[in-house]
Amino acid sequence: MKNTDAQQAGEREPDTAEAREAELAEEVEEADAAVDAEVQADEVAEEQAEVAPVTERADEDAADAEDATEALEEVEASDDAIAADLEKARAEAESYLDDLRRLQADFDNYRKRTLREQTARAASASQALVARLLPVLDNFELAVSSAEHSRDFDRMLKGVEMVFGELREVMEGEGLVKIEAEGKPFDPERHEAVIAVEQEDTEPGMVVDIVRTGYELRGKVLRPAMVKVAK
């Protein structure tokens, strides 16, 4: 019996040692696994620490790209608005230019029409004046012809006086008026002094004689009277 128990005890001791070795091996494996896990965790942490700046930089770049895209879109929108305003301004300028061209054409037509009308009025006025002077010319011819045949001075003088009267009537009918000068104070707007003379009983600056008659046409001086003035 004792031998059997001893044998059994001897047989169990190896089993116990193997179990212990197995336990130790398992503990070692667990320890290695824990170490490996810790190493892997450290490596992951290191990798994350290395990746974090890159990720942050990537996020910043993405944000910058988004901002740049928005800015580009705003610039494009602004360019479109500027292009639209420019096109509108060009259209308005072209419209104003067309209006100016039409206005210039209308003004040119008006100027030409006015010039034609003025020329026509001047021609008509000249024609009317010449028509009124024709009888005077006829009477001059008759007076000269009569004087050549009769040699009568008195008759010739009467004929000239008659023609002169007719001429004066025609000119006065056109608005021609003789400028009064003799015995009047000198007026530089209506008189032209050609000489200053000593004149008794006459105040200085008074017109004492007329060298050439002056005329006004419808209130405007056509020719000043040439006069002698007392000094």
C-alpha atoms as a PDB file:
ATOM      1  CA  MET A   1       0.000   0.000   0.000  1.00  0.00           C
ATOM      2  CA  LYS A   2       2.724   2.378   0.984  1.00  0.00           C
ATOM      3  CA  ASN A   3       4.516   1.683  -2.218  1.00  0.00           C
ATOM      4  CA  THR A   4       1.345   2.347  -4.192  1.00  0.00           C
ATOM      5  CA  ASP A   5       0.718   5.673  -2.479  1.00  0.00           C
ATOM      6  CA  ALA A   6       4.268   6.714  -3.068  1.00  0.00           C
ATOM      7  CA  GLN A   7       4.019   5.744  -6.633  1.00  0.00           C
ATOM      8  CA  GLN A   8       0.808   7.712  -7.002  1.00  0.00           C
ATOM      9  CA  ALA A   9       2.421  10.695  -5.294  1.00  0.00           C
ATOM     10  CA  GLY A  10       5.412  10.360  -7.607  1.00  0.00           C
ATOM     11  CA  GLU A  11       3.128  10.258 -10.570  1.00  0.00           C
ATOM     12  CA  ARG A  12       1.145  13.386  -9.428  1.00  0.00           C
ATOM     13  CA  GLU A  13       4.262  15.498  -8.865  1.00  0.00           C
ATOM     14  CA  PRO A  14       5.163  15.569 -12.582  1.00  0.00           C
ATOM     15  CA  ASP A  15       1.575  16.397 -13.381  1.00  0.00           C
ATOM     16  CA  THR A  16       1.656  19.277 -10.936  1.00  0.00           C
ATOM     17  CA  ALA A  17       4.950  20.559 -12.382  1.00  0.00           C
ATOM     18  CA  GLU A  18       3.590  20.421 -15.868  1.00  0.00           C
ATOM     19  CA  ALA A  19       0.499  22.287 -14.773  1.00  0.00           C
ATOM     20  CA  ARG A  20       2.693  24.855 -13.060  1.00  0.00           C
ATOM     21  CA  GLU A  21       4.795  25.246 -16.145  1.00  0.00           C
ATOM     22  CA  ALA A  22       1.668  25.594 -18.180  1.00  0.00           C
ATOM     23  CA  GLU A  23       0.382  28.254 -15.792  1.00  0.00           C
ATOM     24  CA  LEU A  24       3.714  30.072 -15.909  1.00  0.00           C
ATOM     25  CA  ALA A  25       3.744  29.852 -19.666  1.00  0.00           C
ATOM     26  CA  GLU A  26       0.234  31.180 -19.768  1.00  0.00           C
ATOM     27  CA  GLU A  27       1.172  34.013 -17.401  1.00  0.00           C
ATOM     28  CA  VAL A  28       4.203  34.753 -19.531  1.00  0.00           C
ATOM     29  CA  GLU A  29       2.047  34.809 -22.643  1.00  0.00           C
ATOM     30  CA  GLU A  30      -0.450  37.100 -20.909  1.00  0.00           C
ATOM     31  CA  ALA A  31       2.366  39.353 -19.759  1.00  0.00           C
ATOM     32  CA  ASP A  32       3.797  39.391 -23.284  1.00  0.00           C
ATOM     33  CA  ALA A  33       0.349  40.105 -24.658  1.00  0.00           C
ATOM     34  CA  ALA A  34      -0.064  42.921 -22.151  1.00  0.00           C
ATOM     35  CA  VAL A  35       3.358  44.285 -23.080  1.00  0.00           C
ATOM     36  CA  ASP A  36       2.529  43.965 -26.759  1.00  0.00           C
ATOM     37  CA  ALA A  37      -0.789  45.674 -26.191  1.00  0.00           C
ATOM     38  CA  GLU A  38       0.918  48.460 -24.257  1.00  0.00           C
ATOM     39  CA  VAL A  39       3.563  48.784 -26.971  1.00  0.00           C
ATOM     40  CA  GLN A  40       0.895  48.845 -29.634  1.00  0.00           C
ATOM     41  CA  ALA A  41      -1.044  51.431 -27.616  1.00  0.00           C
ATOM     42  CA  ASP A  42       2.108  53.535 -27.322  1.00  0.00           C
ATOM     43  CA  GLU A  43       2.757  53.141 -31.043  1.00  0.00           C
ATOM     44  CA  VAL A  44      -0.838  54.103 -31.846  1.00  0.00           C
ATOM     45  CA  ALA A  45      -0.537  57.105 -29.524  1.00  0.00           C
ATOM     46  CA  GLU A  46       2.717  58.090 -31.184  1.00  0.00           C
ATOM     47  CA  GLU A  47       1.178  57.647 -34.608  1.00  0.00           C
ATOM     48  CA  GLN A  48      -1.844  59.683 -33.554  1.00  0.00           C
ATOM     49  CA  ALA A  49       0.470  62.338 -32.125  1.00  0.00           C
ATOM     50  CA  GLU A  50       2.349  62.407 -35.427  1.00  0.00           C
ATOM     51  CA  VAL A  51      -0.854  62.387 -37.480  1.00  0.00           C
ATOM     52  CA  ALA A  52      -2.613  65.044 -35.361  1.00  0.00           C
ATOM     53  CA  PRO A  53      -0.580  68.044 -36.715  1.00  0.00           C
ATOM     54  CA  VAL A  54      -1.003  66.729 -40.222  1.00  0.00           C
ATOM     55  CA  THR A  55      -4.732  66.356 -39.635  1.00  0.00           C
ATOM     56  CA  GLU A  56      -4.922  69.823 -38.133  1.00  0.00           C
ATOM     57  CA  ARG A  57      -2.938  71.196 -41.067  1.00  0.00           C
ATOM     58  CA  ALA A  58      -5.223  69.342 -43.463  1.00  0.00           C
ATOM     59  CA  ASP A  59      -8.244  70.801 -41.683  1.00  0.00           C
ATOM     60  CA  GLU A  60      -6.694  74.265 -41.888  1.00  0.00           C
ATOM     61  CA  ASP A  61      -5.896  73.748 -45.570  1.00  0.00           C
ATOM     62  CA  ALA A  62      -9.446  72.593 -46.158  1.00  0.00           C
ATOM     63  CA  ALA A  63     -10.777  75.652 -44.359  1.00  0.00           C
ATOM     64  CA  ASP A  64      -8.418  77.890 -46.334  1.00  0.00           C
ATOM     65  CA  ALA A  65      -9.501  76.206 -49.539  1.00  0.00           C
ATOM     66  CA  GLU A  66     -13.123  76.734 -48.610  1.00  0.00           C
ATOM     67  CA  ASP A  67     -12.437  80.403 -47.818  1.00  0.00           C
ATOM     68  CA  ALA A  68     -10.541  80.742 -51.087  1.00  0.00           C
ATOM     69  CA  THR A  69     -13.427  79.164 -52.954  1.00  0.00           C
ATOM     70  CA  GLU A  70     -15.896  81.548 -51.320  1.00  0.00           C
ATOM     71  CA  ALA A  71     -13.624  84.499 -52.066  1.00  0.00           C
ATOM     72  CA  LEU A  72     -13.285  83.359 -55.683  1.00  0.00           C
ATOM     73  CA  GLU A  73     -17.038  83.033 -55.975  1.00  0.00           C
ATOM     74  CA  GLU A  74     -17.438  86.542 -54.528  1.00  0.00           C
ATOM     75  CA  VAL A  75     -14.844  87.884 -56.977  1.00  0.00           C
ATOM     76  CA  GLU A  76     -16.567  86.146 -59.866  1.00  0.00           C
ATOM     77  CA  ALA A  77     -19.911  87.553 -58.731  1.00  0.00           C
ATOM     78  CA  SER A  78     -18.325  90.997 -58.406  1.00  0.00           C
ATOM     79  CA  ASP A  79     -16.793  90.642 -61.894  1.00  0.00           C
ATOM     80  CA  ASP A  80     -20.180  89.678 -63.274  1.00  0.00           C
ATOM     81  CA  ALA A  81     -21.767  92.722 -61.617  1.00  0.00           C
ATOM     82  CA  ILE A  82     -19.012  94.995 -62.966  1.00  0.00           C
ATOM     83  CA  ALA A  83     -19.412  93.498 -66.432  1.00  0.00           C
ATOM     84  CA  ALA A  84     -23.167  94.058 -66.248  1.00  0.00           C
ATOM     85  CA  ASP A  85     -22.689  97.669 -65.112  1.00  0.00           C
ATOM     86  CA  LEU A  86     -20.128  98.233 -67.858  1.00  0.00           C
ATOM     87  CA  GLU A  87     -22.468  96.839 -70.486  1.00  0.00           C
ATOM     88  CA  LYS A  88     -25.286  99.030 -69.176  1.00  0.00           C
ATOM     89  CA  ALA A  89     -23.016 102.100 -69.234  1.00  0.00           C
ATOM     90  CA  ARG A  90     -21.978 101.294 -72.806  1.00  0.00           C
ATOM     91  CA  ALA A  91     -25.597 100.969 -73.859  1.00  0.00           C
ATOM     92  CA  GLU A  92     -26.464 104.303 -72.225  1.00  0.00           C
ATOM     93  CA  ALA A  93     -23.439 105.976 -73.831  1.00  0.00           C
ATOM     94  CA  GLU A  94     -24.454 104.640 -77.236  1.00  0.00           C
ATOM     95  CA  SER A  95     -27.994 105.912 -76.673  1.00  0.00           C
ATOM     96  CA  TYR A  96     -26.696 109.359 -75.686  1.00  0.00           C
ATOM     97  CA  LEU A  97     -24.418 109.370 -78.738  1.00  0.00           C
ATOM     98  CA  ASP A  98     -27.349 108.556 -81.013  1.00  0.00           C
ATOM     99  CA  ASP A  99     -29.379 111.352 -79.420  1.00  0.00           C
ATOM    100  CA  LEU A 100     -26.461 113.746 -79.901  1.00  0.00           C
ATOM    101  CA  ARG A 101     -26.111 112.732 -83.536  1.00  0.00           C
ATOM    102  CA  ARG A 102     -29.811 113.269 -84.153  1.00  0.00           C
ATOM    103  CA  LEU A 103     -29.668 116.619 -82.360  1.00  0.00           C
ATOM    104  CA  GLN A 104     -26.654 117.668 -84.416  1.00  0.00           C
ATOM    105  CA  ALA A 105     -28.396 116.622 -87.628  1.00  0.00           C
ATOM    106  CA  ASP A 106     -31.523 118.563 -86.617  1.00  0.00           C
ATOM    107  CA  PHE A 107     -29.411 121.621 -85.770  1.00  0.00           C
ATOM    108  CA  ASP A 108     -27.578 121.407 -89.118  1.00  0.00           C
ATOM    109  CA  ASN A 109     -30.890 121.184 -90.938  1.00  0.00           C
ATOM    110  CA  TYR A 110     -32.254 124.131 -88.925  1.00  0.00           C
ATOM    111  CA  ARG A 111     -29.119 126.197 -89.635  1.00  0.00           C
ATOM    112  CA  LYS A 112     -29.298 125.458 -93.353  1.00  0.00           C
ATOM    113  CA  ARG A 113     -33.028 126.208 -93.447  1.00  0.00           C
ATOM    114  CA  THR A 114     -32.528 129.474 -91.538  1.00  0.00           C
ATOM    115  CA  LEU A 115     -29.695 130.481 -93.852  1.00  0.00           C
ATOM    116  CA  ARG A 116     -31.866 129.778 -96.897  1.00  0.00           C
ATOM    117  CA  GLU A 117     -34.729 131.781 -95.401  1.00  0.00           C
ATOM    118  CA  GLN A 118     -32.462 134.706 -94.540  1.00  0.00           C
ATOM    119  CA  THR A 119     -30.958 134.639 -98.007  1.00  0.00           C
ATOM    120  CA  ALA A 120     -34.425 134.532 -99.521  1.00  0.00           C
ATOM    121  CA  ARG A 121     -35.603 137.442 -97.347  1.00  0.00           C
ATOM    122  CA  ALA A 122     -32.514 139.487 -98.205  1.00  0.00           C
ATOM    123  CA  ALA A 123     -33.016 138.771-101.902  1.00  0.00           C
ATOM    124  CA  SER A 124     -36.688 139.672-101.621  1.00  0.00           C
ATOM    125  CA  ALA A 125     -35.882 142.898 -99.771  1.00  0.00           C
ATOM    126  CA  SER A 126     -33.233 143.832-102.334  1.00  0.00           C
ATOM    127  CA  GLN A 127     -35.637 143.064-105.153  1.00  0.00           C
ATOM    128  CA  ALA A 128     -38.336 145.233-103.588  1.00  0.00           C
ATOM    129  CA  LEU A 129     -35.896 148.124-103.043  1.00  0.00           C
ATOM    130  CA  VAL A 130     -34.553 147.921-106.587  1.00  0.00           C
ATOM    131  CA  ALA A 131     -38.100 147.804-107.894  1.00  0.00           C
ATOM    132  CA  ARG A 132     -38.884 151.040-106.016  1.00  0.00           C
ATOM    133  CA  LEU A 133     -35.710 152.680-107.347  1.00  0.00           C
ATOM    134  CA  LEU A 134     -36.460 151.879-110.966  1.00  0.00           C
ATOM    135  CA  PRO A 135     -38.817 154.881-111.420  1.00  0.00           C
ATOM    136  CA  VAL A 136     -36.116 157.122-109.973  1.00  0.00           C
ATOM    137  CA  LEU A 137     -33.644 155.715-112.484  1.00  0.00           C
ATOM    138  CA  ASP A 138     -36.137 156.294-115.281  1.00  0.00           C
ATOM    139  CA  ASN A 139     -36.610 159.930-114.260  1.00  0.00           C
ATOM    140  CA  PHE A 140     -32.845 160.440-114.104  1.00  0.00           C
ATOM    141  CA  GLU A 141     -32.588 159.173-117.661  1.00  0.00           C
ATOM    142  CA  LEU A 142     -35.365 161.530-118.779  1.00  0.00           C
ATOM    143  CA  ALA A 143     -33.747 164.510-117.030  1.00  0.00           C
ATOM    144  CA  VAL A 144     -30.349 163.828-118.576  1.00  0.00           C
ATOM    145  CA  SER A 145     -31.848 163.283-122.028  1.00  0.00           C
ATOM    146  CA  SER A 146     -33.897 166.490-121.801  1.00  0.00           C
ATOM    147  CA  ALA A 147     -30.866 168.507-120.662  1.00  0.00           C
ATOM    148  CA  GLU A 148     -28.790 167.182-123.564  1.00  0.00           C
ATOM    149  CA  HIS A 149     -31.388 168.347-126.093  1.00  0.00           C
ATOM    150  CA  SER A 150     -32.596 171.628-124.583  1.00  0.00           C
ATOM    151  CA  ARG A 151     -29.475 172.843-122.835  1.00  0.00           C
ATOM    152  CA  ASP A 152     -31.880 174.550-120.430  1.00  0.00           C
ATOM    153  CA  PHE A 153     -30.159 174.750-117.029  1.00  0.00           C
ATOM    154  CA  ASP A 154     -33.256 175.728-115.070  1.00  0.00           C
ATOM    155  CA  ARG A 155     -35.251 172.877-116.553  1.00  0.00           C
ATOM    156  CA  MET A 156     -32.430 170.434-115.820  1.00  0.00           C
ATOM    157  CA  LEU A 157     -32.213 171.680-112.246  1.00  0.00           C
ATOM    158  CA  LYS A 158     -35.918 171.164-111.706  1.00  0.00           C
ATOM    159  CA  GLY A 159     -35.652 167.656-113.120  1.00  0.00           C
ATOM    160  CA  VAL A 160     -32.764 166.767-110.808  1.00  0.00           C
ATOM    161  CA  GLU A 161     -34.603 168.188-107.815  1.00  0.00           C
ATOM    162  CA  MET A 162     -37.667 166.125-108.723  1.00  0.00           C
ATOM    163  CA  VAL A 163     -35.628 162.934-109.022  1.00  0.00           C
ATOM    164  CA  PHE A 164     -33.815 163.683-105.773  1.00  0.00           C
ATOM    165  CA  GLY A 165     -37.165 164.087-104.026  1.00  0.00           C
ATOM    166  CA  GLU A 166     -38.345 160.735-105.366  1.00  0.00           C
ATOM    167  CA  LEU A 167     -35.117 159.058-104.237  1.00  0.00           C
ATOM    168  CA  ARG A 168     -35.409 160.537-100.780  1.00  0.00           C
ATOM    169  CA  GLU A 169     -39.000 159.284-100.470  1.00  0.00           C
ATOM    170  CA  VAL A 170     -37.938 155.766-101.419  1.00  0.00           C
ATOM    171  CA  MET A 171     -35.081 155.747 -98.928  1.00  0.00           C
ATOM    172  CA  GLU A 172     -37.220 157.187 -96.153  1.00  0.00           C
ATOM    173  CA  GLY A 173     -39.816 154.531 -96.896  1.00  0.00           C
ATOM    174  CA  GLU A 174     -37.104 151.934 -96.195  1.00  0.00           C
ATOM    175  CA  GLY A 175     -36.429 153.517 -92.794  1.00  0.00           C
ATOM    176  CA  LEU A 176     -33.513 155.764 -93.709  1.00  0.00           C
ATOM    177  CA  VAL A 177     -33.333 158.976 -91.617  1.00  0.00           C
ATOM    178  CA  LYS A 178     -30.833 161.824 -91.878  1.00  0.00           C
ATOM    179  CA  ILE A 179     -28.860 162.462 -88.690  1.00  0.00           C
ATOM    180  CA  GLU A 180     -29.387 165.986 -87.335  1.00  0.00           C
ATOM    181  CA  ALA A 181     -26.020 167.521 -86.501  1.00  0.00           C
ATOM    182  CA  GLU A 182     -25.631 171.261 -87.115  1.00  0.00           C
ATOM    183  CA  GLY A 183     -26.298 173.276 -83.974  1.00  0.00           C
ATOM    184  CA  LYS A 184     -26.379 170.118 -81.845  1.00  0.00           C
ATOM    185  CA  PRO A 185     -23.917 169.082 -79.119  1.00  0.00           C
ATOM    186  CA  PHE A 186     -21.255 166.749 -80.452  1.00  0.00           C
ATOM    187  CA  ASP A 187     -22.319 163.080 -80.006  1.00  0.00           C
ATOM    188  CA  PRO A 188     -19.475 160.589 -80.610  1.00  0.00           C
ATOM    189  CA  GLU A 189     -22.006 157.808 -81.280  1.00  0.00           C
ATOM    190  CA  ARG A 190     -23.675 159.729 -84.121  1.00  0.00           C
ATOM    191  CA  HIS A 191     -21.056 162.309 -85.175  1.00  0.00           C
ATOM    192  CA  GLU A 192     -17.506 162.066 -86.454  1.00  0.00           C
ATOM    193  CA  ALA A 193     -15.399 165.198 -85.832  1.00  0.00           C
ATOM    194  CA  VAL A 194     -12.986 165.980 -88.662  1.00  0.00           C
ATOM    195  CA  ILE A 195     -11.800 169.404 -87.464  1.00  0.00           C
ATOM    196  CA  ALA A 196     -12.134 171.773 -84.522  1.00  0.00           C
ATOM    197  CA  VAL A 197     -12.639 175.452 -85.397  1.00  0.00           C
ATOM    198  CA  GLU A 198     -12.877 178.778 -83.633  1.00  0.00           C
ATOM    199  CA  GLN A 199     -16.477 179.983 -83.701  1.00  0.00           C
ATOM    200  CA  GLU A 200     -17.685 183.151 -82.040  1.00  0.00           C
ATOM    201  CA  ASP A 201     -20.869 183.070 -79.995  1.00  0.00           C
ATOM    202  CA  THR A 202     -20.744 179.251 -80.014  1.00  0.00           C
ATOM    203  CA  GLU A 203     -20.082 177.063 -77.021  1.00  0.00           C
ATOM    204  CA  PRO A 204     -17.199 174.605 -77.285  1.00  0.00           C
ATOM    205  CA  GLY A 205     -18.299 171.141 -78.311  1.00  0.00           C
ATOM    206  CA  MET A 206     -21.142 172.301 -80.528  1.00  0.00           C
ATOM    207  CA  VAL A 207     -21.379 171.184 -84.165  1.00  0.00           C
ATOM    208  CA  VAL A 208     -20.983 174.223 -86.386  1.00  0.00           C
ATOM    209  CA  ASP A 209     -21.006 172.633 -89.879  1.00  0.00           C
ATOM    210  CA  ILE A 210     -21.656 169.324 -91.661  1.00  0.00           C
ATOM    211  CA  VAL A 211     -18.976 167.996 -94.002  1.00  0.00           C
ATOM    212  CA  ARG A 212     -20.897 164.837 -94.956  1.00  0.00           C
ATOM    213  CA  THR A 213     -24.451 163.887 -94.055  1.00  0.00           C
ATOM    214  CA  GLY A 214     -24.933 160.919 -91.760  1.00  0.00           C
ATOM    215  CA  TYR A 215     -27.845 158.477 -91.759  1.00  0.00           C
ATOM    216  CA  GLU A 216     -29.650 156.087 -89.436  1.00  0.00           C
ATOM    217  CA  LEU A 217     -31.495 153.007 -90.654  1.00  0.00           C
ATOM    218  CA  ARG A 218     -34.383 151.899 -88.426  1.00  0.00           C
ATOM    219  CA  GLY A 219     -32.820 153.519 -85.357  1.00  0.00           C
ATOM    220  CA  LYS A 220     -29.292 152.189 -85.962  1.00  0.00           C
ATOM    221  CA  VAL A 221     -26.451 154.451 -87.105  1.00  0.00           C
ATOM    222  CA  LEU A 222     -25.692 153.473 -90.689  1.00  0.00           C
ATOM    223  CA  ARG A 223     -23.080 156.171 -91.203  1.00  0.00           C
ATOM    224  CA  PRO A 224     -22.060 158.906 -88.717  1.00  0.00           C
ATOM    225  CA  ALA A 225     -22.179 162.505 -89.829  1.00  0.00           C
ATOM    226  CA  MET A 226     -18.790 164.085 -90.520  1.00  0.00           C
ATOM    227  CA  VAL A 227     -18.829 167.475 -88.767  1.00  0.00           C
ATOM    228  CA  LYS A 228     -16.837 170.522 -87.713  1.00  0.00           C
ATOM    229  CA  VAL A 229     -16.861 171.180 -83.964  1.00  0.00           C
ATOM    230  CA  ALA A 230     -16.349 174.459 -82.108  1.00  0.00           C
ATOM    231  CA  LYS A 231     -13.421 174.595 -79.727  1.00  0.00           C
END
